[in-house]
C-alpha atoms as a PDB file:
ATOM      1  CA  UNK A   1      -0.195  -0.172   0.098  1.00  0.00           C
ATOM      2  CA  UNK A   2       1.501   3.342  -0.870  1.00  0.00           C
ATOM      3  CA  UNK A   3       2.403   5.718   1.777  1.00  0.00           C
ATOM      4  CA  UNK A   4       0.079   8.291   0.615  1.00  0.00           C
ATOM      5  CA  UNK A   5      -2.722   5.726   0.965  1.00  0.00           C
ATOM      6  CA  UNK A   6      -1.633   4.676   4.921  1.00  0.00           C
ATOM      7  CA  UNK A   7      -1.260   8.500   5.260  1.00  0.00           C
ATOM      8  CA  UNK A   8      -5.176   8.800   4.636  1.00  0.00           C
ATOM      9  CA  UNK A   9      -6.301   6.008   6.432  1.00  0.00           C
ATOM     10  CA  UNK A  10      -4.473   7.294   9.836  1.00  0.00           C
ATOM     11  CA  UNK A  11      -5.276  10.630   9.274  1.00  0.00           C
ATOM     12  CA  UNK A  12      -8.733  10.144   8.781  1.00  0.00           C
ATOM     13  CA  UNK A  13      -9.351   6.904  10.549  1.00  0.00           C
ATOM     14  CA  UNK A  14     -12.239   7.514  13.188  1.00  0.00           C
ATOM     15  CA  UNK A  15     -10.429   5.003  15.983  1.00  0.00           C
ATOM     16  CA  UNK A  16      -7.602   6.801  15.873  1.00  0.00           C
ATOM     17  CA  UNK A  17      -6.375   9.209  19.335  1.00  0.00           C
ATOM     18  CA  UNK A  18      -3.379  10.890  17.565  1.00  0.00           C
ATOM     19  CA  UNK A  19      -3.788  14.965  17.996  1.00  0.00           C
ATOM     20  CA  UNK A  20      -5.591  16.356  15.310  1.00  0.00           C
ATOM     21  CA  UNK A  21      -3.473  18.001  13.332  1.00  0.00           C
ATOM     22  CA  UNK A  22      -3.219  21.013  10.806  1.00  0.00           C
ATOM     23  CA  UNK A  23      -4.971  20.445   7.217  1.00  0.00           C
ATOM     24  CA  UNK A  24      -3.510  21.990   4.378  1.00  0.00           C
ATOM     25  CA  UNK A  25      -5.720  23.144   1.573  1.00  0.00           C
ATOM     26  CA  UNK A  26      -5.290  25.206  -1.662  1.00  0.00           C
ATOM     27  CA  UNK A  27      -6.728  28.159   0.508  1.00  0.00           C
ATOM     28  CA  UNK A  28      -5.401  28.156   3.275  1.00  0.00           C
ATOM     29  CA  UNK A  29      -4.528  26.096   6.420  1.00  0.00           C
ATOM     30  CA  UNK A  30      -7.662  25.142   8.430  1.00  0.00           C
ATOM     31  CA  UNK A  31      -6.768  24.160  12.407  1.00  0.00           C
ATOM     32  CA  UNK A  32      -9.924  21.855  13.180  1.00  0.00           C
ATOM     33  CA  UNK A  33     -10.386  20.789  16.476  1.00  0.00           C
ATOM     34  CA  UNK A  34     -13.318  17.916  15.422  1.00  0.00           C
ATOM     35  CA  UNK A  35     -12.646  14.748  14.189  1.00  0.00           C
ATOM     36  CA  UNK A  36     -13.421  15.095   9.633  1.00  0.00           C
ATOM     37  CA  UNK A  37     -13.629  11.650   9.318  1.00  0.00           C
ATOM     38  CA  UNK A  38     -17.828  12.194   8.967  1.00  0.00           C
ATOM     39  CA  UNK A  39     -17.013  14.434   6.351  1.00  0.00           C
ATOM     40  CA  UNK A  40     -14.620  12.251   4.359  1.00  0.00           C
ATOM     41  CA  UNK A  41     -17.106   9.691   4.606  1.00  0.00           C
ATOM     42  CA  UNK A  42     -20.166  11.903   3.215  1.00  0.00           C
ATOM     43  CA  UNK A  43     -18.038  12.912   0.546  1.00  0.00           C
ATOM     44  CA  UNK A  44     -16.982   9.173  -0.034  1.00  0.00           C
ATOM     45  CA  UNK A  45     -20.652   8.315  -0.417  1.00  0.00           C
ATOM     46  CA  UNK A  46     -21.669  11.244  -2.456  1.00  0.00           C
ATOM     47  CA  UNK A  47     -19.338  11.760  -4.321  1.00  0.00           C
ATOM     48  CA  UNK A  48     -17.989   8.432  -5.323  1.00  0.00           C
ATOM     49  CA  UNK A  49     -20.319   5.405  -4.412  1.00  0.00           C
ATOM     50  CA  UNK A  50     -23.858   7.981  -5.798  1.00  0.00           C
ATOM     51  CA  UNK A  51     -21.874   7.970  -9.688  1.00  0.00           C
ATOM     52  CA  UNK A  52     -20.531   4.566  -9.281  1.00  0.00           C
ATOM     53  CA  UNK A  53     -21.328   2.730 -12.214  1.00  0.00           C
ATOM     54  CA  UNK A  54     -22.795  -0.919 -13.612  1.00  0.00           C
ATOM     55  CA  UNK A  55     -24.756  -1.656 -10.469  1.00  0.00           C
ATOM     56  CA  UNK A  56     -27.727  -2.364 -12.154  1.00  0.00           C
ATOM     57  CA  UNK A  57     -25.812  -5.147 -14.245  1.00  0.00           C
ATOM     58  CA  UNK A  58     -24.423  -6.480 -11.419  1.00  0.00           C
ATOM     59  CA  UNK A  59     -26.588  -6.434  -8.489  1.00  0.00           C
ATOM     60  CA  UNK A  60     -29.761  -5.181 -10.482  1.00  0.00           C
ATOM     61  CA  UNK A  61     -30.183  -1.862  -8.378  1.00  0.00           C
ATOM     62  CA  UNK A  62     -27.050   0.703  -8.147  1.00  0.00           C
ATOM     63  CA  UNK A  63     -24.157   0.958  -5.982  1.00  0.00           C
ATOM     64  CA  UNK A  64     -25.718   4.016  -3.704  1.00  0.00           C
ATOM     65  CA  UNK A  65     -29.409   2.217  -3.153  1.00  0.00           C
ATOM     66  CA  UNK A  66     -27.452  -1.180  -2.208  1.00  0.00           C
ATOM     67  CA  UNK A  67     -25.346   0.510   0.226  1.00  0.00           C
ATOM     68  CA  UNK A  68     -28.546   2.625   2.040  1.00  0.00           C
ATOM     69  CA  UNK A  69     -31.172  -0.225   1.411  1.00  0.00           C
ATOM     70  CA  UNK A  70     -32.929  -2.005   4.686  1.00  0.00           C
ATOM     71  CA  UNK A  71     -30.512  -5.208   5.521  1.00  0.00           C
ATOM     72  CA  UNK A  72     -27.323  -3.492   3.244  1.00  0.00           C
ATOM     73  CA  UNK A  73     -24.182  -3.248   3.960  1.00  0.00           C
ATOM     74  CA  UNK A  74     -24.168  -0.082   6.011  1.00  0.00           C
ATOM     75  CA  UNK A  75     -26.654  -1.220   8.171  1.00  0.00           C
ATOM     76  CA  UNK A  76     -24.609  -4.179   9.046  1.00  0.00           C
ATOM     77  CA  UNK A  77     -21.778  -2.130   9.744  1.00  0.00           C
ATOM     78  CA  UNK A  78     -23.856  -0.362  12.124  1.00  0.00           C
ATOM     79  CA  UNK A  79     -24.882  -3.527  14.010  1.00  0.00           C
ATOM     80  CA  UNK A  80     -21.463  -4.525  14.162  1.00  0.00           C
ATOM     81  CA  UNK A  81     -20.287  -0.515  15.526  1.00  0.00           C
ATOM     82  CA  UNK A  82     -22.842  -0.428  18.375  1.00  0.00           C
ATOM     83  CA  UNK A  83     -21.887  -4.073  19.329  1.00  0.00           C
ATOM     84  CA  UNK A  84     -18.264  -3.127  19.238  1.00  0.00           C
ATOM     85  CA  UNK A  85     -19.173  -0.390  21.716  1.00  0.00           C
ATOM     86  CA  UNK A  86     -20.762  -2.600  23.933  1.00  0.00           C
ATOM     87  CA  UNK A  87     -18.568  -4.362  24.576  1.00  0.00           C
ATOM     88  CA  UNK A  88     -16.257  -1.385  24.497  1.00  0.00           C
ATOM     89  CA  UNK A  89     -18.250   0.260  27.457  1.00  0.00           C
ATOM     90  CA  UNK A  90     -18.582  -2.875  29.072  1.00  0.00           C
ATOM     91  CA  UNK A  91     -14.691  -2.779  29.531  1.00  0.00           C
ATOM     92  CA  UNK A  92     -14.686   0.874  30.817  1.00  0.00           C
ATOM     93  CA  UNK A  93     -17.167  -0.682  33.263  1.00  0.00           C
ATOM     94  CA  UNK A  94     -15.130  -3.494  34.202  1.00  0.00           C
ATOM     95  CA  UNK A  95     -12.348  -1.902  34.614  1.00  0.00           C
ATOM     96  CA  UNK A  96     -13.676   0.650  37.386  1.00  0.00           C
ATOM     97  CA  UNK A  97     -15.572  -1.660  39.208  1.00  0.00           C
ATOM     98  CA  UNK A  98     -13.324  -0.977  41.889  1.00  0.00           C
ATOM     99  CA  UNK A  99     -13.514   2.779  41.890  1.00  0.00           C
ATOM    100  CA  UNK A 100     -17.611   3.145  43.673  1.00  0.00           C
ATOM    101  CA  UNK A 101     -20.802   3.362  41.846  1.00  0.00           C
ATOM    102  CA  UNK A 102     -20.467   6.868  41.160  1.00  0.00           C
ATOM    103  CA  UNK A 103     -22.492   9.383  38.165  1.00  0.00           C
ATOM    104  CA  UNK A 104     -20.244   8.335  36.009  1.00  0.00           C
ATOM    105  CA  UNK A 105     -20.038   4.822  36.582  1.00  0.00           C
ATOM    106  CA  UNK A 106     -24.001   4.383  36.031  1.00  0.00           C
ATOM    107  CA  UNK A 107     -23.979   6.686  32.858  1.00  0.00           C
ATOM    108  CA  UNK A 108     -21.587   4.415  31.088  1.00  0.00           C
ATOM    109  CA  UNK A 109     -23.819   1.642  32.424  1.00  0.00           C
ATOM    110  CA  UNK A 110     -26.616   3.508  30.565  1.00  0.00           C
ATOM    111  CA  UNK A 111     -24.118   3.745  27.708  1.00  0.00           C
ATOM    112  CA  UNK A 112     -23.756   0.062  27.036  1.00  0.00           C
ATOM    113  CA  UNK A 113     -27.585  -0.892  27.436  1.00  0.00           C
ATOM    114  CA  UNK A 114     -28.269   1.606  24.745  1.00  0.00           C
ATOM    115  CA  UNK A 115     -25.881   0.361  22.475  1.00  0.00           C
ATOM    116  CA  UNK A 116     -26.584  -3.154  22.985  1.00  0.00           C
ATOM    117  CA  UNK A 117     -30.216  -2.122  22.782  1.00  0.00           C
ATOM    118  CA  UNK A 118     -29.601  -0.568  19.565  1.00  0.00           C
ATOM    119  CA  UNK A 119     -27.243  -3.376  18.256  1.00  0.00           C
ATOM    120  CA  UNK A 120     -30.195  -6.176  18.971  1.00  0.00           C
ATOM    121  CA  UNK A 121     -32.541  -3.465  17.050  1.00  0.00           C
ATOM    122  CA  UNK A 122     -30.379  -3.248  14.191  1.00  0.00           C
ATOM    123  CA  UNK A 123     -30.808  -7.198  13.172  1.00  0.00           C
ATOM    124  CA  UNK A 124     -33.842  -7.263  14.675  1.00  0.00           C
ATOM    125  CA  UNK A 125     -32.833  -9.240  17.377  1.00  0.00           C
ATOM    126  CA  UNK A 126     -31.075 -12.225  15.884  1.00  0.00           C
ATOM    127  CA  UNK A 127     -34.290 -12.903  12.832  1.00  0.00           C
ATOM    128  CA  UNK A 128     -32.337 -11.253   9.804  1.00  0.00           C
ATOM    129  CA  UNK A 129     -29.790 -14.373  10.752  1.00  0.00           C
ATOM    130  CA  UNK A 130     -32.205 -17.339  11.813  1.00  0.00           C
ATOM    131  CA  UNK A 131     -34.803 -16.190  10.434  1.00  0.00           C
ATOM    132  CA  UNK A 132     -36.953 -16.981  14.053  1.00  0.00           C
ATOM    133  CA  UNK A 133     -38.717 -13.786  15.455  1.00  0.00           C
ATOM    134  CA  UNK A 134     -41.857 -12.782  17.948  1.00  0.00           C
ATOM    135  CA  UNK A 135     -45.286 -13.077  15.751  1.00  0.00           C
ATOM    136  CA  UNK A 136     -46.651 -10.834  18.321  1.00  0.00           C
ATOM    137  CA  UNK A 137     -44.135  -7.708  17.334  1.00  0.00           C
ATOM    138  CA  UNK A 138     -44.312  -8.784  13.532  1.00  0.00           C
ATOM    139  CA  UNK A 139     -47.906  -7.933  13.676  1.00  0.00           C
ATOM    140  CA  UNK A 140     -47.422  -4.600  14.728  1.00  0.00           C
ATOM    141  CA  UNK A 141     -44.726  -3.458  13.076  1.00  0.00           C
ATOM    142  CA  UNK A 142     -44.113  -1.728   9.923  1.00  0.00           C
ATOM    143  CA  UNK A 143     -41.699  -4.362   8.278  1.00  0.00           C
ATOM    144  CA  UNK A 144     -43.271  -7.250   9.426  1.00  0.00           C
ATOM    145  CA  UNK A 145     -40.145  -7.769  11.990  1.00  0.00           C
ATOM    146  CA  UNK A 146     -39.345  -8.544  15.427  1.00  0.00           C
ATOM    147  CA  UNK A 147     -38.046  -5.253  16.583  1.00  0.00           C
ATOM    148  CA  UNK A 148     -39.325  -2.430  18.509  1.00  0.00           C
ATOM    149  CA  UNK A 149     -38.355   0.686  16.501  1.00  0.00           C
ATOM    150  CA  UNK A 150     -40.251   0.044  13.543  1.00  0.00           C
ATOM    151  CA  UNK A 151     -43.852  -0.729  15.422  1.00  0.00           C
ATOM    152  CA  UNK A 152     -46.222   1.624  14.051  1.00  0.00           C
ATOM    153  CA  UNK A 153     -46.604   4.387  16.350  1.00  0.00           C
ATOM    154  CA  UNK A 154     -43.169   4.579  17.565  1.00  0.00           C
ATOM    155  CA  UNK A 155     -41.727   4.741  14.320  1.00  0.00           C
ATOM    156  CA  UNK A 156     -44.017   7.359  13.071  1.00  0.00           C
ATOM    157  CA  UNK A 157     -43.769   9.841  15.858  1.00  0.00           C
ATOM    158  CA  UNK A 158     -40.781   9.050  18.326  1.00  0.00           C
ATOM    159  CA  UNK A 159     -37.737   7.531  16.353  1.00  0.00           C
ATOM    160  CA  UNK A 160     -36.637  10.539  14.392  1.00  0.00           C
ATOM    161  CA  UNK A 161     -37.413  13.201  17.573  1.00  0.00           C
ATOM    162  CA  UNK A 162     -35.489  10.503  19.925  1.00  0.00           C
ATOM    163  CA  UNK A 163     -32.382  10.697  16.956  1.00  0.00           C
ATOM    164  CA  UNK A 164     -32.820  14.525  16.723  1.00  0.00           C
ATOM    165  CA  UNK A 165     -32.475  14.897  20.827  1.00  0.00           C
ATOM    166  CA  UNK A 166     -30.273  12.455  21.505  1.00  0.00           C
ATOM    167  CA  UNK A 167     -27.976  13.156  18.519  1.00  0.00           C
ATOM    168  CA  UNK A 168     -27.753  17.420  19.818  1.00  0.00           C
ATOM    169  CA  UNK A 169     -26.986  15.767  23.447  1.00  0.00           C
ATOM    170  CA  UNK A 170     -24.241  14.186  22.198  1.00  0.00           C
ATOM    171  CA  UNK A 171     -22.705  16.083  20.042  1.00  0.00           C
ATOM    172  CA  UNK A 172     -23.148  19.404  21.717  1.00  0.00           C
ATOM    173  CA  UNK A 173     -25.161  19.576  25.275  1.00  0.00           C
ATOM    174  CA  UNK A 174     -23.039  16.753  27.050  1.00  0.00           C
ATOM    175  CA  UNK A 175     -19.575  17.688  26.652  1.00  0.00           C
ATOM    176  CA  UNK A 176     -20.006  21.495  26.980  1.00  0.00           C
ATOM    177  CA  UNK A 177     -22.298  21.289  30.199  1.00  0.00           C
ATOM    178  CA  UNK A 178     -20.110  18.337  31.665  1.00  0.00           C
ATOM    179  CA  UNK A 179     -16.518  18.403  30.618  1.00  0.00           C
ATOM    180  CA  UNK A 180     -15.578  16.383  33.367  1.00  0.00           C
ATOM    181  CA  UNK A 181     -17.761  13.492  32.719  1.00  0.00           C
ATOM    182  CA  UNK A 182     -15.886  11.073  30.356  1.00  0.00           C
ATOM    183  CA  UNK A 183     -19.036   9.132  29.523  1.00  0.00           C
ATOM    184  CA  UNK A 184     -20.537  11.850  27.276  1.00  0.00           C
ATOM    185  CA  UNK A 185     -18.870  12.144  23.937  1.00  0.00           C
ATOM    186  CA  UNK A 186     -15.690  14.051  24.124  1.00  0.00           C
ATOM    187  CA  UNK A 187     -16.173  17.656  21.608  1.00  0.00           C
ATOM    188  CA  UNK A 188     -14.139  15.849  18.860  1.00  0.00           C
ATOM    189  CA  UNK A 189     -16.337  13.536  18.164  1.00  0.00           C
ATOM    190  CA  UNK A 190     -19.258  16.371  17.583  1.00  0.00           C
ATOM    191  CA  UNK A 191     -19.822  16.149  13.665  1.00  0.00           C
ATOM    192  CA  UNK A 192     -20.669  12.114  14.388  1.00  0.00           C
ATOM    193  CA  UNK A 193     -23.734  13.276  15.666  1.00  0.00           C
ATOM    194  CA  UNK A 194     -24.459  16.284  15.104  1.00  0.00           C
ATOM    195  CA  UNK A 195     -24.784  15.629  11.421  1.00  0.00           C
ATOM    196  CA  UNK A 196     -27.458  12.958  12.067  1.00  0.00           C
ATOM    197  CA  UNK A 197     -29.503  15.061  13.975  1.00  0.00           C
ATOM    198  CA  UNK A 198     -29.023  17.739  11.153  1.00  0.00           C
ATOM    199  CA  UNK A 199     -30.193  15.221   8.504  1.00  0.00           C
ATOM    200  CA  UNK A 200     -33.056  13.691  10.638  1.00  0.00           C
ATOM    201  CA  UNK A 201     -34.353  17.704  10.987  1.00  0.00           C
ATOM    202  CA  UNK A 202     -34.229  18.605   7.536  1.00  0.00           C
ATOM    203  CA  UNK A 203     -35.719  16.042   6.561  1.00  0.00           C
ATOM    204  CA  UNK A 204     -38.569  16.128   9.029  1.00  0.00           C
ATOM    205  CA  UNK A 205     -39.174  19.754   7.944  1.00  0.00           C
ATOM    206  CA  UNK A 206     -39.096  19.263   4.226  1.00  0.00           C
ATOM    207  CA  UNK A 207     -41.720  17.026   5.057  1.00  0.00           C
ATOM    208  CA  UNK A 208     -43.961  19.945   5.918  1.00  0.00           C
ATOM    209  CA  UNK A 209     -42.978  22.072   3.110  1.00  0.00           C
ATOM    210  CA  UNK A 210     -44.095  22.885  -0.317  1.00  0.00           C
ATOM    211  CA  UNK A 211     -42.117  21.037  -2.009  1.00  0.00           C
ATOM    212  CA  UNK A 212     -41.456  16.953  -2.298  1.00  0.00           C
ATOM    213  CA  UNK A 213     -40.192  15.622   1.228  1.00  0.00           C
ATOM    214  CA  UNK A 214     -36.070  15.173   0.964  1.00  0.00           C
ATOM    215  CA  UNK A 215     -35.052  11.845  -0.125  1.00  0.00           C
ATOM    216  CA  UNK A 216     -34.683   9.202   2.664  1.00  0.00           C
ATOM    217  CA  UNK A 217     -31.194   8.420   3.525  1.00  0.00           C
ATOM    218  CA  UNK A 218     -31.267   7.550   7.163  1.00  0.00           C
ATOM    219  CA  UNK A 219     -28.917   4.442   6.953  1.00  0.00           C
ATOM    220  CA  UNK A 220     -26.197   6.656   5.601  1.00  0.00           C
ATOM    221  CA  UNK A 221     -26.474   9.138   8.550  1.00  0.00           C
ATOM    222  CA  UNK A 222     -27.414   7.236  10.981  1.00  0.00           C
ATOM    223  CA  UNK A 223     -23.957   4.862  10.240  1.00  0.00           C
ATOM    224  CA  UNK A 224     -22.356   7.949  11.337  1.00  0.00           C
ATOM    225  CA  UNK A 225     -23.782   8.006  15.214  1.00  0.00           C
ATOM    226  CA  UNK A 226     -22.915   4.067  15.531  1.00  0.00           C
ATOM    227  CA  UNK A 227     -19.249   5.029  14.853  1.00  0.00           C
ATOM    228  CA  UNK A 228     -18.943   7.734  16.791  1.00  0.00           C
ATOM    229  CA  UNK A 229     -20.141   5.630  19.494  1.00  0.00           C
ATOM    230  CA  UNK A 230     -18.088   3.308  18.809  1.00  0.00           C
ATOM    231  CA  UNK A 231     -15.097   5.697  18.566  1.00  0.00           C
ATOM    232  CA  UNK A 232     -15.963   7.421  21.991  1.00  0.00           C
ATOM    233  CA  UNK A 233     -16.220   4.018  23.910  1.00  0.00           C
ATOM    234  CA  UNK A 234     -12.736   2.825  21.721  1.00  0.00           C
ATOM    235  CA  UNK A 235     -10.811   5.563  22.845  1.00  0.00           C
ATOM    236  CA  UNK A 236     -11.805   5.193  26.894  1.00  0.00           C
ATOM    237  CA  UNK A 237     -10.486   1.312  26.503  1.00  0.00           C
ATOM    238  CA  UNK A 238      -7.716   2.081  24.885  1.00  0.00           C
ATOM    239  CA  UNK A 239      -6.055   5.920  26.028  1.00  0.00           C
ATOM    240  CA  UNK A 240      -6.996   8.046  29.242  1.00  0.00           C
ATOM    241  CA  UNK A 241      -8.587  10.608  28.459  1.00  0.00           C
ATOM    242  CA  UNK A 242     -10.640  13.036  30.711  1.00  0.00           C
ATOM    243  CA  UNK A 243     -10.320  11.846  33.928  1.00  0.00           C
ATOM    244  CA  UNK A 244     -13.498  11.919  36.330  1.00  0.00           C
ATOM    245  CA  UNK A 245     -14.193  11.864  39.845  1.00  0.00           C
ATOM    246  CA  UNK A 246     -18.340  12.355  39.612  1.00  0.00           C
END
């Protein structure tokens, strides 16, 4: 692999804990204080995958639609990232088991539970692998699957606001209001969550506009949230970040 490719992968690796370096551009030098991987990822998806040819000839649909489809590769990557975040947050809990059950420990416990729950929801609690599910859930599920987030009431009334509120909290409120609590993602990971909140807000508000609602690219943006949580949890397992006595 060429040195240029290695440098690029190292520079924009979401799991890297190296200090964020200045970025030289033809228009000047940028000094970002946040991880730029989300921007590179979106540029790759919409600037390359979107126009990648011959998808219909090979798999029957465009590569872009395949990537963002239900049960497509992006959704499986989300599952792996949420599962990885659950494992990493569980390791954090285990390492701190002798430090006392303080507020930060319980916040890590809450984060581990949420990551485990979302990982299970992504694969309908194994139904997509085994084909075994609960008929009671399937009967009230918009997609006929054994999960909660696609139950009609939750899917149409609570799902989008939950993404918007949680991502604003994870990407902005948490690290600004409680900078010493390391259970909340640091400023470095802001874009992983704020871009998701922005997409869902724009998607919802376009529904009430005078033009056609924007395309539902939720799988593309939800991936950022899963990668952001994995990067956050990973960093607390393998490096010493913000100490907390809360």
